[in-house]
Amino acid sequence: MSAIETGDPGSPGEAEAAAALESPAYPRFIRILAIIVVVDLIGFGIWSMPALSGESWSAGSLALFGLAALCIGWTGFWIVNSRTRLEGDVLSQTWLWNKREDAADVAQLKLVHWRWLERVMAPRLLVRRRNGAVTWFHSADARLLTGFAERVAARGLAPPRR
């Protein structure tokens, strides 16, 4: 019995299914690569300061340069710190904005996962809600995403409650 298997109420698998599962949103290699790229870009910016200080800068160009640096740092921070969590029937991911989907609202799922590339490309789940909205969830552990898909399928197969 897997840790994310759903079962009948009172079955041994129910306690395991109700437990929250959590993983980083991106694989370790991608998180390390994000740190290296951000640090290298900061180093290159510092190294370029003498050449750039001789140029005439307008307020707009300085603002654009600063905004670009802020975006690179902010995105790198979230690649390293983003987490995906499955708790009950709710899948959530911290990111630049928090993403959250309930299994009851899902109309369609698509799992994109190539096991032989999972160290360099995070498994991802495309979730289409009943209202047509689409959300992508990333998780370094594909079992978390398949666990959510199993819960969506179980809801679709369950008889309607009266």
C-alpha atoms as a PDB file:
ATOM      1  CA  MET A   1       0.000   0.000   0.000  1.00  0.00           C
ATOM      2  CA  SER A   2       1.520   3.340  -1.017  1.00  0.00           C
ATOM      3  CA  ALA A   3       1.684   6.376   1.244  1.00  0.00           C
ATOM      4  CA  ILE A   4      -0.744   8.289  -0.951  1.00  0.00           C
ATOM      5  CA  GLU A   5      -3.291   5.631  -1.656  1.00  0.00           C
ATOM      6  CA  THR A   6      -6.916   6.451  -1.012  1.00  0.00           C
ATOM      7  CA  GLY A   7      -9.199   3.940   0.579  1.00  0.00           C
ATOM      8  CA  ASP A   8     -12.516   3.332   2.245  1.00  0.00           C
ATOM      9  CA  PRO A   9     -13.223   5.185   5.487  1.00  0.00           C
ATOM     10  CA  GLY A  10     -11.618   3.387   8.357  1.00  0.00           C
ATOM     11  CA  SER A  11      -9.174   1.454   6.186  1.00  0.00           C
ATOM     12  CA  PRO A  12      -5.468   1.506   7.089  1.00  0.00           C
ATOM     13  CA  GLY A  13      -4.731   3.552   3.942  1.00  0.00           C
ATOM     14  CA  GLU A  14      -7.009   6.414   5.012  1.00  0.00           C
ATOM     15  CA  ALA A  15      -4.711   7.675   7.761  1.00  0.00           C
ATOM     16  CA  GLU A  16      -1.792   7.636   5.334  1.00  0.00           C
ATOM     17  CA  ALA A  17      -3.850   9.399   2.649  1.00  0.00           C
ATOM     18  CA  ALA A  18      -4.963  12.112   5.063  1.00  0.00           C
ATOM     19  CA  ALA A  19      -1.363  12.873   6.068  1.00  0.00           C
ATOM     20  CA  ALA A  20       0.114  15.855   4.289  1.00  0.00           C
ATOM     21  CA  LEU A  21       2.803  15.165   1.709  1.00  0.00           C
ATOM     22  CA  GLU A  22       5.322  17.866   0.851  1.00  0.00           C
ATOM     23  CA  SER A  23       8.318  18.208  -1.426  1.00  0.00           C
ATOM     24  CA  PRO A  24      10.406  20.931  -3.030  1.00  0.00           C
ATOM     25  CA  ALA A  25       8.811  22.183  -6.226  1.00  0.00           C
ATOM     26  CA  TYR A  26      12.034  21.777  -8.200  1.00  0.00           C
ATOM     27  CA  PRO A  27      14.721  19.061  -8.182  1.00  0.00           C
ATOM     28  CA  ARG A  28      17.952  19.622  -6.261  1.00  0.00           C
ATOM     29  CA  PHE A  29      19.999  20.119  -9.465  1.00  0.00           C
ATOM     30  CA  ILE A  30      17.712  22.941 -10.660  1.00  0.00           C
ATOM     31  CA  ARG A  31      17.805  24.657  -7.251  1.00  0.00           C
ATOM     32  CA  ILE A  32      21.613  24.505  -7.171  1.00  0.00           C
ATOM     33  CA  LEU A  33      21.764  25.752 -10.764  1.00  0.00           C
ATOM     34  CA  ALA A  34      19.475  28.688  -9.875  1.00  0.00           C
ATOM     35  CA  ILE A  35      21.806  29.683  -7.023  1.00  0.00           C
ATOM     36  CA  ILE A  36      24.851  29.469  -9.310  1.00  0.00           C
ATOM     37  CA  VAL A  37      23.185  31.565 -12.039  1.00  0.00           C
ATOM     38  CA  VAL A  38      22.020  34.286  -9.615  1.00  0.00           C
ATOM     39  CA  VAL A  39      25.421  34.474  -7.885  1.00  0.00           C
ATOM     40  CA  ASP A  40      27.207  34.569 -11.269  1.00  0.00           C
ATOM     41  CA  LEU A  41      24.938  37.362 -12.507  1.00  0.00           C
ATOM     42  CA  ILE A  42      25.574  39.364  -9.339  1.00  0.00           C
ATOM     43  CA  GLY A  43      29.320  38.780  -9.750  1.00  0.00           C
ATOM     44  CA  PHE A  44      29.196  39.815 -13.392  1.00  0.00           C
ATOM     45  CA  GLY A  45      27.294  42.972 -12.438  1.00  0.00           C
ATOM     46  CA  ILE A  46      29.898  43.879  -9.834  1.00  0.00           C
ATOM     47  CA  TRP A  47      32.729  43.099 -12.273  1.00  0.00           C
ATOM     48  CA  SER A  48      31.047  45.324 -14.902  1.00  0.00           C
ATOM     49  CA  MET A  49      30.609  48.308 -12.552  1.00  0.00           C
ATOM     50  CA  PRO A  50      33.831  50.112 -13.583  1.00  0.00           C
ATOM     51  CA  ALA A  51      32.893  49.956 -17.272  1.00  0.00           C
ATOM     52  CA  LEU A  52      29.266  50.907 -16.585  1.00  0.00           C
ATOM     53  CA  SER A  53      30.128  53.818 -14.291  1.00  0.00           C
ATOM     54  CA  GLY A  54      31.708  55.687 -17.200  1.00  0.00           C
ATOM     55  CA  GLU A  55      28.423  55.700 -19.127  1.00  0.00           C
ATOM     56  CA  SER A  56      25.695  58.284 -18.788  1.00  0.00           C
ATOM     57  CA  TRP A  57      22.587  56.695 -17.287  1.00  0.00           C
ATOM     58  CA  SER A  58      19.093  58.101 -17.389  1.00  0.00           C
ATOM     59  CA  ALA A  59      16.697  57.507 -14.513  1.00  0.00           C
ATOM     60  CA  GLY A  60      14.677  55.118 -16.690  1.00  0.00           C
ATOM     61  CA  SER A  61      17.672  52.995 -17.648  1.00  0.00           C
ATOM     62  CA  LEU A  62      18.805  52.789 -14.005  1.00  0.00           C
ATOM     63  CA  ALA A  63      15.292  51.775 -12.958  1.00  0.00           C
ATOM     64  CA  LEU A  64      15.159  49.108 -15.676  1.00  0.00           C
ATOM     65  CA  PHE A  65      18.588  47.754 -14.664  1.00  0.00           C
ATOM     66  CA  GLY A  66      17.548  47.643 -11.006  1.00  0.00           C
ATOM     67  CA  LEU A  67      14.185  46.033 -11.809  1.00  0.00           C
ATOM     68  CA  ALA A  68      15.886  43.345 -13.916  1.00  0.00           C
ATOM     69  CA  ALA A  69      18.272  42.555 -11.047  1.00  0.00           C
ATOM     70  CA  LEU A  70      15.361  42.400  -8.610  1.00  0.00           C
ATOM     71  CA  CYS A  71      13.379  40.039 -10.885  1.00  0.00           C
ATOM     72  CA  ILE A  72      16.358  37.709 -11.321  1.00  0.00           C
ATOM     73  CA  GLY A  73      16.961  37.546  -7.571  1.00  0.00           C
ATOM     74  CA  TRP A  74      13.264  37.140  -6.721  1.00  0.00           C
ATOM     75  CA  THR A  75      12.748  34.329  -9.245  1.00  0.00           C
ATOM     76  CA  GLY A  76      15.916  32.570  -8.076  1.00  0.00           C
ATOM     77  CA  PHE A  77      14.705  32.817  -4.473  1.00  0.00           C
ATOM     78  CA  TRP A  78      11.389  31.153  -5.333  1.00  0.00           C
ATOM     79  CA  ILE A  79      12.989  28.400  -7.424  1.00  0.00           C
ATOM     80  CA  VAL A  80      15.097  27.488  -4.404  1.00  0.00           C
ATOM     81  CA  ASN A  81      12.379  27.875  -1.737  1.00  0.00           C
ATOM     82  CA  SER A  82       9.150  26.873  -3.499  1.00  0.00           C
ATOM     83  CA  ARG A  83       7.339  23.901  -1.925  1.00  0.00           C
ATOM     84  CA  THR A  84       4.463  21.732  -3.152  1.00  0.00           C
ATOM     85  CA  ARG A  85       2.068  20.243  -0.614  1.00  0.00           C
ATOM     86  CA  LEU A  86      -0.762  17.735  -0.840  1.00  0.00           C
ATOM     87  CA  GLU A  87      -3.042  17.814   2.172  1.00  0.00           C
ATOM     88  CA  GLY A  88      -6.270  15.885   1.941  1.00  0.00           C
ATOM     89  CA  ASP A  89      -7.831  16.786  -1.407  1.00  0.00           C
ATOM     90  CA  VAL A  90      -5.979  20.107  -1.716  1.00  0.00           C
ATOM     91  CA  LEU A  91      -2.801  20.588  -3.755  1.00  0.00           C
ATOM     92  CA  SER A  92      -0.878  23.815  -3.113  1.00  0.00           C
ATOM     93  CA  GLN A  93       2.427  25.321  -4.164  1.00  0.00           C
ATOM     94  CA  THR A  94       4.281  28.348  -2.868  1.00  0.00           C
ATOM     95  CA  TRP A  95       5.646  30.481  -5.680  1.00  0.00           C
ATOM     96  CA  LEU A  96       5.708  34.161  -6.677  1.00  0.00           C
ATOM     97  CA  TRP A  97       2.008  33.784  -5.889  1.00  0.00           C
ATOM     98  CA  ASN A  98       0.554  30.796  -4.041  1.00  0.00           C
ATOM     99  CA  LYS A  99      -1.280  28.234  -6.148  1.00  0.00           C
ATOM    100  CA  ARG A 100      -4.057  26.101  -4.665  1.00  0.00           C
ATOM    101  CA  GLU A 101      -6.506  23.598  -6.178  1.00  0.00           C
ATOM    102  CA  ASP A 102      -9.162  21.398  -4.612  1.00  0.00           C
ATOM    103  CA  ALA A 103      -9.831  17.979  -6.159  1.00  0.00           C
ATOM    104  CA  ALA A 104     -13.558  18.778  -6.284  1.00  0.00           C
ATOM    105  CA  ASP A 105     -12.973  21.700  -8.682  1.00  0.00           C
ATOM    106  CA  VAL A 106     -10.834  19.785 -11.216  1.00  0.00           C
ATOM    107  CA  ALA A 107     -12.213  19.021 -14.677  1.00  0.00           C
ATOM    108  CA  GLN A 108      -9.034  17.702 -16.346  1.00  0.00           C
ATOM    109  CA  LEU A 109      -5.467  16.754 -15.418  1.00  0.00           C
ATOM    110  CA  LYS A 110      -2.327  16.219 -17.459  1.00  0.00           C
ATOM    111  CA  LEU A 111       0.871  14.901 -15.876  1.00  0.00           C
ATOM    112  CA  VAL A 112       4.116  15.805 -17.660  1.00  0.00           C
ATOM    113  CA  HIS A 113       6.883  13.610 -16.316  1.00  0.00           C
ATOM    114  CA  TRP A 114       9.814  11.905 -17.956  1.00  0.00           C
ATOM    115  CA  ARG A 115      11.533   9.749 -15.361  1.00  0.00           C
ATOM    116  CA  TRP A 116      14.883   9.909 -17.192  1.00  0.00           C
ATOM    117  CA  LEU A 117      14.803  13.740 -17.063  1.00  0.00           C
ATOM    118  CA  GLU A 118      13.417  14.231 -13.553  1.00  0.00           C
ATOM    119  CA  ARG A 119      16.757  15.435 -12.164  1.00  0.00           C
ATOM    120  CA  VAL A 120      16.832  18.380 -14.591  1.00  0.00           C
ATOM    121  CA  MET A 121      13.126  18.969 -15.241  1.00  0.00           C
ATOM    122  CA  ALA A 122      10.556  18.908 -12.470  1.00  0.00           C
ATOM    123  CA  PRO A 123       7.512  16.714 -12.959  1.00  0.00           C
ATOM    124  CA  ARG A 124       4.522  18.992 -13.493  1.00  0.00           C
ATOM    125  CA  LEU A 125       0.785  18.678 -13.401  1.00  0.00           C
ATOM    126  CA  LEU A 126      -1.530  20.767 -15.551  1.00  0.00           C
ATOM    127  CA  VAL A 127      -4.814  21.260 -13.696  1.00  0.00           C
ATOM    128  CA  ARG A 128      -7.830  22.563 -15.595  1.00  0.00           C
ATOM    129  CA  ARG A 129     -10.662  23.700 -13.344  1.00  0.00           C
ATOM    130  CA  ARG A 130     -14.345  23.404 -14.166  1.00  0.00           C
ATOM    131  CA  ASN A 131     -14.436  27.148 -14.920  1.00  0.00           C
ATOM    132  CA  GLY A 132     -11.663  26.759 -17.538  1.00  0.00           C
ATOM    133  CA  ALA A 133      -8.788  28.215 -15.491  1.00  0.00           C
ATOM    134  CA  VAL A 134      -5.453  26.409 -15.894  1.00  0.00           C
ATOM    135  CA  THR A 135      -2.720  26.041 -13.270  1.00  0.00           C
ATOM    136  CA  TRP A 136       0.650  24.290 -13.461  1.00  0.00           C
ATOM    137  CA  PHE A 137       2.055  22.603 -10.343  1.00  0.00           C
ATOM    138  CA  HIS A 138       5.681  21.469 -10.098  1.00  0.00           C
ATOM    139  CA  SER A 139       7.024  18.917  -7.637  1.00  0.00           C
ATOM    140  CA  ALA A 140      10.408  17.250  -7.324  1.00  0.00           C
ATOM    141  CA  ASP A 141       8.500  14.130  -6.197  1.00  0.00           C
ATOM    142  CA  ALA A 142       6.123  12.884  -8.899  1.00  0.00           C
ATOM    143  CA  ARG A 143       4.309  10.688  -6.341  1.00  0.00           C
ATOM    144  CA  LEU A 144       2.831  13.828  -4.806  1.00  0.00           C
ATOM    145  CA  LEU A 145       1.288  14.840  -8.141  1.00  0.00           C
ATOM    146  CA  THR A 146       0.041  11.340  -8.921  1.00  0.00           C
ATOM    147  CA  GLY A 147      -1.462  11.211  -5.428  1.00  0.00           C
ATOM    148  CA  PHE A 148      -3.513  14.302  -6.232  1.00  0.00           C
ATOM    149  CA  ALA A 149      -4.539  12.768  -9.565  1.00  0.00           C
ATOM    150  CA  GLU A 150      -5.660   9.610  -7.741  1.00  0.00           C
ATOM    151  CA  ARG A 151      -7.792  11.713  -5.394  1.00  0.00           C
ATOM    152  CA  VAL A 152      -9.380  13.537  -8.322  1.00  0.00           C
ATOM    153  CA  ALA A 153     -10.121  10.187  -9.984  1.00  0.00           C
ATOM    154  CA  ALA A 154     -11.571   8.780  -6.746  1.00  0.00           C
ATOM    155  CA  ARG A 155     -13.915  11.782  -6.519  1.00  0.00           C
ATOM    156  CA  GLY A 156     -15.021  11.231 -10.106  1.00  0.00           C
ATOM    157  CA  LEU A 157     -15.755   7.550  -9.477  1.00  0.00           C
ATOM    158  CA  ALA A 158     -17.530   8.027  -6.152  1.00  0.00           C
ATOM    159  CA  PRO A 159     -21.328   7.992  -6.210  1.00  0.00           C
ATOM    160  CA  PRO A 160     -22.933  11.383  -5.593  1.00  0.00           C
ATOM    161  CA  ARG A 161     -23.642  12.183  -1.938  1.00  0.00           C
ATOM    162  CA  ARG A 162     -27.235  12.652  -0.890  1.00  0.00           C
END
